[in-house]
Amino acid sequence: MTDQRHLKRRVRERMAKTGESYTAARKHILDQRPAPEPEEPAPPPAFDVVDPIDLSDAAAAIGLKCRVKIFPTLAARIDTGAALLQLRDALLATEDDPWTQKLRASVLRGELQPQRKGMSENHIDLLRFVRRATAGLGGVSPSGTILALHVGSEIVLYVLSTQRSFGGTEQPQPLIWIHSITESIGTLKVAGLLMR
C-alpha cells in the first residue's frame, strides 16, 4: 500500500512539473525504475525423474495379456521387440513348468497374482537368483515372479507386478517391468539387500 501511495505522489509531482497527463507521467516514472534482479534459477531436482516407455501395445500385438514397461536407458540398448518375443516364447516353451506358472498366467492370460506385502522374495533367495543371473545362468526366481533372459548381449529381468489405477475406474492388471540386471543390482545395493 505504501509503495502505491509513494508512486501516486511521485506521479502527481511530475504532472505538476511537466504538465503531462497522469498516464504519461506514471509511465515515465515506471520506466525509470531499475530493472528487477533476475530470479535465481530453480535448484535442480533432488533426483532425476525418468518416465518409463510403455510397450503394452507392442506386447498386445504378439498376444501378451499384460502391461509392459521399460526404462529408456535399457530400451536404447536392446531390441524391445525381441525382448517381448523372447518373454512370450520362453513362457510358451515352459507350459508345463511349475516355476513359470505365475508369470505364464499373468503374461499370457492376464491373470492377477495375489500380492504379498513387502518384498515378494526372501532376501537370501533373491541374492542367489541375482548372482545366478549375473553369471549368465538366467532362469526364474524362487517366487516365480522374476525371469532372467539374455536379450542380445544384455541380461534382462522381467519382473511381475500389478498396475493399479489411481482415481480411475480401471481394474488392476498384470504389469511386467523389463530391467537390466546391472541396474537392478544397483537398486538392490541401495536398498541394502545386496552386499559386495
C-alpha atoms as a PDB file:
ATOM      1  CA  MET A   1       0.000   0.000   0.000  1.00  0.00           C
ATOM      2  CA  THR A   2       2.833   2.397   0.907  1.00  0.00           C
ATOM      3  CA  ASP A   3       4.608   1.776  -2.424  1.00  0.00           C
ATOM      4  CA  GLN A   4       1.374   2.563  -4.289  1.00  0.00           C
ATOM      5  CA  ARG A   5       0.870   5.801  -2.301  1.00  0.00           C
ATOM      6  CA  HIS A   6       4.525   6.785  -2.921  1.00  0.00           C
ATOM      7  CA  LEU A   7       4.085   6.121  -6.662  1.00  0.00           C
ATOM      8  CA  LYS A   8       0.944   8.295  -6.837  1.00  0.00           C
ATOM      9  CA  ARG A   9       2.748  11.147  -5.049  1.00  0.00           C
ATOM     10  CA  ARG A  10       5.671  10.985  -7.499  1.00  0.00           C
ATOM     11  CA  VAL A  11       3.281  10.882 -10.492  1.00  0.00           C
ATOM     12  CA  ARG A  12       1.411  13.995  -9.260  1.00  0.00           C
ATOM     13  CA  GLU A  13       4.730  15.824  -8.684  1.00  0.00           C
ATOM     14  CA  ARG A  14       5.799  15.024 -12.254  1.00  0.00           C
ATOM     15  CA  MET A  15       2.389  16.104 -13.631  1.00  0.00           C
ATOM     16  CA  ALA A  16       2.748  19.448 -11.846  1.00  0.00           C
ATOM     17  CA  LYS A  17       6.294  19.942 -13.139  1.00  0.00           C
ATOM     18  CA  THR A  18       5.816  18.785 -16.785  1.00  0.00           C
ATOM     19  CA  GLY A  19       2.086  19.247 -17.436  1.00  0.00           C
ATOM     20  CA  GLU A  20       1.798  15.626 -18.584  1.00  0.00           C
ATOM     21  CA  SER A  21      -1.335  13.579 -18.173  1.00  0.00           C
ATOM     22  CA  TYR A  22      -1.492  11.163 -15.252  1.00  0.00           C
ATOM     23  CA  THR A  23      -0.970   8.178 -17.582  1.00  0.00           C
ATOM     24  CA  ALA A  24       2.074   9.716 -19.327  1.00  0.00           C
ATOM     25  CA  ALA A  25       3.659  10.812 -16.042  1.00  0.00           C
ATOM     26  CA  ARG A  26       3.094   7.396 -14.466  1.00  0.00           C
ATOM     27  CA  LYS A  27       4.645   5.630 -17.479  1.00  0.00           C
ATOM     28  CA  HIS A  28       7.802   7.801 -17.271  1.00  0.00           C
ATOM     29  CA  ILE A  29       8.194   7.124 -13.563  1.00  0.00           C
ATOM     30  CA  LEU A  30       7.717   3.401 -14.001  1.00  0.00           C
ATOM     31  CA  ASP A  31      10.201   3.375 -16.894  1.00  0.00           C
ATOM     32  CA  GLN A  32      12.844   4.963 -14.614  1.00  0.00           C
ATOM     33  CA  ARG A  33      12.667   2.146 -12.084  1.00  0.00           C
ATOM     34  CA  PRO A  34      15.707  -0.111 -12.024  1.00  0.00           C
ATOM     35  CA  ALA A  35      15.247  -3.429 -13.769  1.00  0.00           C
ATOM     36  CA  PRO A  36      14.278  -6.187 -11.382  1.00  0.00           C
ATOM     37  CA  GLU A  37      17.002  -8.586 -10.367  1.00  0.00           C
ATOM     38  CA  PRO A  38      16.866 -11.761 -12.429  1.00  0.00           C
ATOM     39  CA  GLU A  39      15.378 -14.623 -10.463  1.00  0.00           C
ATOM     40  CA  GLU A  40      17.727 -17.331  -9.354  1.00  0.00           C
ATOM     41  CA  PRO A  41      17.281 -20.468 -11.388  1.00  0.00           C
ATOM     42  CA  ALA A  42      15.296 -23.190  -9.699  1.00  0.00           C
ATOM     43  CA  PRO A  43      17.503 -25.715  -7.962  1.00  0.00           C
ATOM     44  CA  PRO A  44      17.943 -28.975  -9.831  1.00  0.00           C
ATOM     45  CA  PRO A  45      15.655 -31.784  -8.709  1.00  0.00           C
ATOM     46  CA  ALA A  46      16.937 -33.971  -5.892  1.00  0.00           C
ATOM     47  CA  PHE A  47      16.860 -36.931  -8.268  1.00  0.00           C
ATOM     48  CA  ASP A  48      16.226 -37.487 -11.957  1.00  0.00           C
ATOM     49  CA  VAL A  49      12.681 -38.326 -12.929  1.00  0.00           C
ATOM     50  CA  VAL A  50      12.574 -40.731 -15.835  1.00  0.00           C
ATOM     51  CA  ASP A  51       9.312 -41.762 -17.405  1.00  0.00           C
ATOM     52  CA  PRO A  52       9.186 -45.406 -18.462  1.00  0.00           C
ATOM     53  CA  ILE A  53       8.291 -46.376 -22.002  1.00  0.00           C
ATOM     54  CA  ASP A  54       5.012 -48.257 -22.304  1.00  0.00           C
ATOM     55  CA  LEU A  55       5.409 -51.318 -24.548  1.00  0.00           C
ATOM     56  CA  SER A  56       1.871 -52.572 -23.864  1.00  0.00           C
ATOM     57  CA  ASP A  57       0.601 -52.055 -27.420  1.00  0.00           C
ATOM     58  CA  ALA A  58       3.540 -53.967 -28.900  1.00  0.00           C
ATOM     59  CA  ALA A  59       3.040 -56.684 -26.270  1.00  0.00           C
ATOM     60  CA  ALA A  60      -0.663 -56.988 -27.119  1.00  0.00           C
ATOM     61  CA  ALA A  61       0.212 -57.276 -30.818  1.00  0.00           C
ATOM     62  CA  ILE A  62       2.113 -60.520 -30.113  1.00  0.00           C
ATOM     63  CA  GLY A  63      -0.556 -61.907 -27.781  1.00  0.00           C
ATOM     64  CA  LEU A  64       0.613 -60.814 -24.328  1.00  0.00           C
ATOM     65  CA  LYS A  65      -2.228 -60.004 -21.931  1.00  0.00           C
ATOM     66  CA  CYS A  66      -0.386 -57.691 -19.555  1.00  0.00           C
ATOM     67  CA  ARG A  67       1.016 -54.181 -19.473  1.00  0.00           C
ATOM     68  CA  VAL A  68       4.756 -53.917 -20.160  1.00  0.00           C
ATOM     69  CA  LYS A  69       7.083 -51.044 -19.258  1.00  0.00           C
ATOM     70  CA  ILE A  70      10.789 -50.416 -19.737  1.00  0.00           C
ATOM     71  CA  PHE A  71      13.076 -47.516 -18.875  1.00  0.00           C
ATOM     72  CA  PRO A  72      14.631 -45.521 -21.758  1.00  0.00           C
ATOM     73  CA  THR A  73      18.251 -46.381 -20.886  1.00  0.00           C
ATOM     74  CA  LEU A  74      17.629 -50.101 -21.367  1.00  0.00           C
ATOM     75  CA  ALA A  75      15.300 -49.552 -24.339  1.00  0.00           C
ATOM     76  CA  ALA A  76      18.180 -47.772 -26.098  1.00  0.00           C
ATOM     77  CA  ARG A  77      20.481 -50.792 -25.594  1.00  0.00           C
ATOM     78  CA  ILE A  78      18.219 -53.681 -26.594  1.00  0.00           C
ATOM     79  CA  ASP A  79      15.718 -54.582 -29.281  1.00  0.00           C
ATOM     80  CA  THR A  80      12.466 -54.207 -27.339  1.00  0.00           C
ATOM     81  CA  GLY A  81      10.530 -56.244 -29.908  1.00  0.00           C
ATOM     82  CA  ALA A  82      12.976 -59.117 -29.468  1.00  0.00           C
ATOM     83  CA  ALA A  83      12.708 -58.781 -25.670  1.00  0.00           C
ATOM     84  CA  LEU A  84       8.925 -59.165 -25.855  1.00  0.00           C
ATOM     85  CA  LEU A  85       9.159 -62.138 -28.230  1.00  0.00           C
ATOM     86  CA  GLN A  86      11.711 -63.865 -26.003  1.00  0.00           C
ATOM     87  CA  LEU A  87       9.435 -63.458 -22.992  1.00  0.00           C
ATOM     88  CA  ARG A  88       6.463 -64.905 -24.869  1.00  0.00           C
ATOM     89  CA  ASP A  89       8.450 -67.759 -26.390  1.00  0.00           C
ATOM     90  CA  ALA A  90      10.080 -68.709 -23.071  1.00  0.00           C
ATOM     91  CA  LEU A  91       6.696 -68.891 -21.349  1.00  0.00           C
ATOM     92  CA  LEU A  92       5.114 -70.884 -24.191  1.00  0.00           C
ATOM     93  CA  ALA A  93       8.056 -73.316 -24.187  1.00  0.00           C
ATOM     94  CA  THR A  94       7.634 -73.934 -20.439  1.00  0.00           C
ATOM     95  CA  GLU A  95       3.867 -74.551 -20.454  1.00  0.00           C
ATOM     96  CA  ASP A  96       4.139 -77.471 -18.028  1.00  0.00           C
ATOM     97  CA  ASP A  97       6.829 -75.945 -15.785  1.00  0.00           C
ATOM     98  CA  PRO A  98       5.547 -75.002 -12.303  1.00  0.00           C
ATOM     99  CA  TRP A  99       8.351 -72.447 -11.897  1.00  0.00           C
ATOM    100  CA  THR A 100       6.923 -70.234 -14.674  1.00  0.00           C
ATOM    101  CA  GLN A 101       3.271 -70.762 -13.718  1.00  0.00           C
ATOM    102  CA  LYS A 102       2.714 -67.287 -12.172  1.00  0.00           C
ATOM    103  CA  LEU A 103       4.445 -65.452 -14.992  1.00  0.00           C
ATOM    104  CA  ARG A 104       2.636 -67.520 -17.623  1.00  0.00           C
ATOM    105  CA  ALA A 105      -0.784 -66.918 -16.013  1.00  0.00           C
ATOM    106  CA  SER A 106      -0.216 -63.160 -15.818  1.00  0.00           C
ATOM    107  CA  VAL A 107       1.605 -62.572 -19.096  1.00  0.00           C
ATOM    108  CA  LEU A 108      -0.255 -64.984 -21.390  1.00  0.00           C
ATOM    109  CA  ARG A 109      -3.699 -64.968 -19.756  1.00  0.00           C
ATOM    110  CA  GLY A 110      -3.850 -61.601 -17.943  1.00  0.00           C
ATOM    111  CA  GLU A 111      -4.495 -63.167 -14.534  1.00  0.00           C
ATOM    112  CA  LEU A 112      -3.621 -61.151 -11.432  1.00  0.00           C
ATOM    113  CA  GLN A 113      -1.467 -62.828  -8.824  1.00  0.00           C
ATOM    114  CA  PRO A 114      -2.112 -62.366  -5.099  1.00  0.00           C
ATOM    115  CA  GLN A 115       0.112 -59.575  -3.824  1.00  0.00           C
ATOM    116  CA  ARG A 116       2.201 -60.027  -0.702  1.00  0.00           C
ATOM    117  CA  LYS A 117       3.078 -57.084   1.456  1.00  0.00           C
ATOM    118  CA  GLY A 118       6.721 -56.013   1.365  1.00  0.00           C
ATOM    119  CA  MET A 119       9.365 -57.840  -0.624  1.00  0.00           C
ATOM    120  CA  SER A 120       7.969 -60.775  -2.583  1.00  0.00           C
ATOM    121  CA  GLU A 121      11.312 -62.582  -2.440  1.00  0.00           C
ATOM    122  CA  ASN A 122      13.192 -63.976   0.528  1.00  0.00           C
ATOM    123  CA  HIS A 123      16.413 -61.924   0.705  1.00  0.00           C
ATOM    124  CA  ILE A 124      18.713 -64.956   0.538  1.00  0.00           C
ATOM    125  CA  ASP A 125      16.780 -66.475  -2.378  1.00  0.00           C
ATOM    126  CA  LEU A 126      16.793 -63.122  -4.183  1.00  0.00           C
ATOM    127  CA  LEU A 127      20.544 -62.784  -3.652  1.00  0.00           C
ATOM    128  CA  ARG A 128      21.156 -66.287  -5.066  1.00  0.00           C
ATOM    129  CA  PHE A 129      18.895 -65.602  -8.048  1.00  0.00           C
ATOM    130  CA  VAL A 130      20.649 -62.303  -8.832  1.00  0.00           C
ATOM    131  CA  ARG A 131      24.071 -63.979  -8.577  1.00  0.00           C
ATOM    132  CA  ARG A 132      22.977 -66.747 -10.965  1.00  0.00           C
ATOM    133  CA  ALA A 133      21.520 -64.219 -13.405  1.00  0.00           C
ATOM    134  CA  THR A 134      24.657 -62.066 -13.206  1.00  0.00           C
ATOM    135  CA  ALA A 135      26.729 -65.157 -14.001  1.00  0.00           C
ATOM    136  CA  GLY A 136      24.594 -65.600 -17.128  1.00  0.00           C
ATOM    137  CA  LEU A 137      22.503 -68.576 -15.994  1.00  0.00           C
ATOM    138  CA  GLY A 138      19.123 -66.896 -16.374  1.00  0.00           C
ATOM    139  CA  GLY A 139      16.052 -68.694 -15.078  1.00  0.00           C
ATOM    140  CA  VAL A 140      13.155 -67.996 -12.732  1.00  0.00           C
ATOM    141  CA  SER A 141      13.285 -66.601  -9.212  1.00  0.00           C
ATOM    142  CA  PRO A 142      12.093 -68.858  -6.349  1.00  0.00           C
ATOM    143  CA  SER A 143       8.860 -66.846  -6.029  1.00  0.00           C
ATOM    144  CA  GLY A 144       8.148 -67.333  -9.737  1.00  0.00           C
ATOM    145  CA  THR A 145       7.764 -63.586 -10.307  1.00  0.00           C
ATOM    146  CA  ILE A 146      11.100 -62.714 -11.958  1.00  0.00           C
ATOM    147  CA  LEU A 147      12.514 -64.215 -15.140  1.00  0.00           C
ATOM    148  CA  ALA A 148      16.093 -63.609 -16.320  1.00  0.00           C
ATOM    149  CA  LEU A 149      16.847 -63.997 -20.040  1.00  0.00           C
ATOM    150  CA  HIS A 150      19.568 -62.911 -22.431  1.00  0.00           C
ATOM    151  CA  VAL A 151      18.417 -60.303 -24.942  1.00  0.00           C
ATOM    152  CA  GLY A 152      21.311 -59.691 -27.270  1.00  0.00           C
ATOM    153  CA  SER A 153      24.328 -59.121 -25.039  1.00  0.00           C
ATOM    154  CA  GLU A 154      22.227 -57.868 -22.127  1.00  0.00           C
ATOM    155  CA  ILE A 155      20.852 -59.914 -19.226  1.00  0.00           C
ATOM    156  CA  VAL A 156      17.282 -58.748 -18.799  1.00  0.00           C
ATOM    157  CA  LEU A 157      14.957 -59.241 -15.844  1.00  0.00           C
ATOM    158  CA  TYR A 158      11.203 -59.456 -16.398  1.00  0.00           C
ATOM    159  CA  VAL A 159       9.636 -58.524 -13.063  1.00  0.00           C
ATOM    160  CA  LEU A 160       5.959 -59.266 -12.453  1.00  0.00           C
ATOM    161  CA  SER A 161       3.978 -56.576 -10.669  1.00  0.00           C
ATOM    162  CA  THR A 162       0.485 -55.117 -10.731  1.00  0.00           C
ATOM    163  CA  GLN A 163      -0.518 -51.839 -12.346  1.00  0.00           C
ATOM    164  CA  ARG A 164      -3.060 -50.169 -10.135  1.00  0.00           C
ATOM    165  CA  SER A 165      -5.469 -47.457 -11.198  1.00  0.00           C
ATOM    166  CA  PHE A 166      -5.155 -44.142  -9.363  1.00  0.00           C
ATOM    167  CA  GLY A 167      -8.545 -42.483  -9.149  1.00  0.00           C
ATOM    168  CA  GLY A 168      -9.853 -44.101 -12.309  1.00  0.00           C
ATOM    169  CA  THR A 169     -12.306 -46.897 -12.807  1.00  0.00           C
ATOM    170  CA  GLU A 170      -9.798 -49.215 -14.457  1.00  0.00           C
ATOM    171  CA  GLN A 171      -9.269 -52.615 -12.902  1.00  0.00           C
ATOM    172  CA  PRO A 172      -5.757 -53.532 -11.735  1.00  0.00           C
ATOM    173  CA  GLN A 173      -3.871 -55.541 -14.319  1.00  0.00           C
ATOM    174  CA  PRO A 174      -0.646 -57.534 -14.501  1.00  0.00           C
ATOM    175  CA  LEU A 175       2.423 -55.477 -15.288  1.00  0.00           C
ATOM    176  CA  ILE A 176       5.854 -56.637 -16.426  1.00  0.00           C
ATOM    177  CA  TRP A 177       8.783 -54.315 -15.783  1.00  0.00           C
ATOM    178  CA  ILE A 178      11.769 -55.012 -18.012  1.00  0.00           C
ATOM    179  CA  HIS A 179      15.019 -54.206 -16.179  1.00  0.00           C
ATOM    180  CA  SER A 180      18.676 -54.713 -16.920  1.00  0.00           C
ATOM    181  CA  ILE A 181      20.493 -56.902 -14.421  1.00  0.00           C
ATOM    182  CA  THR A 182      23.182 -54.248 -13.851  1.00  0.00           C
ATOM    183  CA  GLU A 183      20.644 -51.546 -12.978  1.00  0.00           C
ATOM    184  CA  SER A 184      18.754 -53.974 -10.753  1.00  0.00           C
ATOM    185  CA  ILE A 185      21.917 -54.847  -8.844  1.00  0.00           C
ATOM    186  CA  GLY A 186      22.478 -51.121  -8.202  1.00  0.00           C
ATOM    187  CA  THR A 187      18.917 -50.776  -6.897  1.00  0.00           C
ATOM    188  CA  LEU A 188      19.323 -53.798  -4.642  1.00  0.00           C
ATOM    189  CA  LYS A 189      22.570 -52.386  -3.246  1.00  0.00           C
ATOM    190  CA  VAL A 190      20.862 -49.073  -2.476  1.00  0.00           C
ATOM    191  CA  ALA A 191      18.060 -50.982  -0.730  1.00  0.00           C
ATOM    192  CA  GLY A 192      20.664 -52.835   1.332  1.00  0.00           C
ATOM    193  CA  LEU A 193      19.616 -56.233   0.001  1.00  0.00           C
ATOM    194  CA  LEU A 194      22.816 -56.977  -1.856  1.00  0.00           C
ATOM    195  CA  MET A 195      26.316 -56.572  -0.458  1.00  0.00           C
ATOM    196  CA  ARG A 196      29.532 -56.754  -2.421  1.00  0.00           C
END
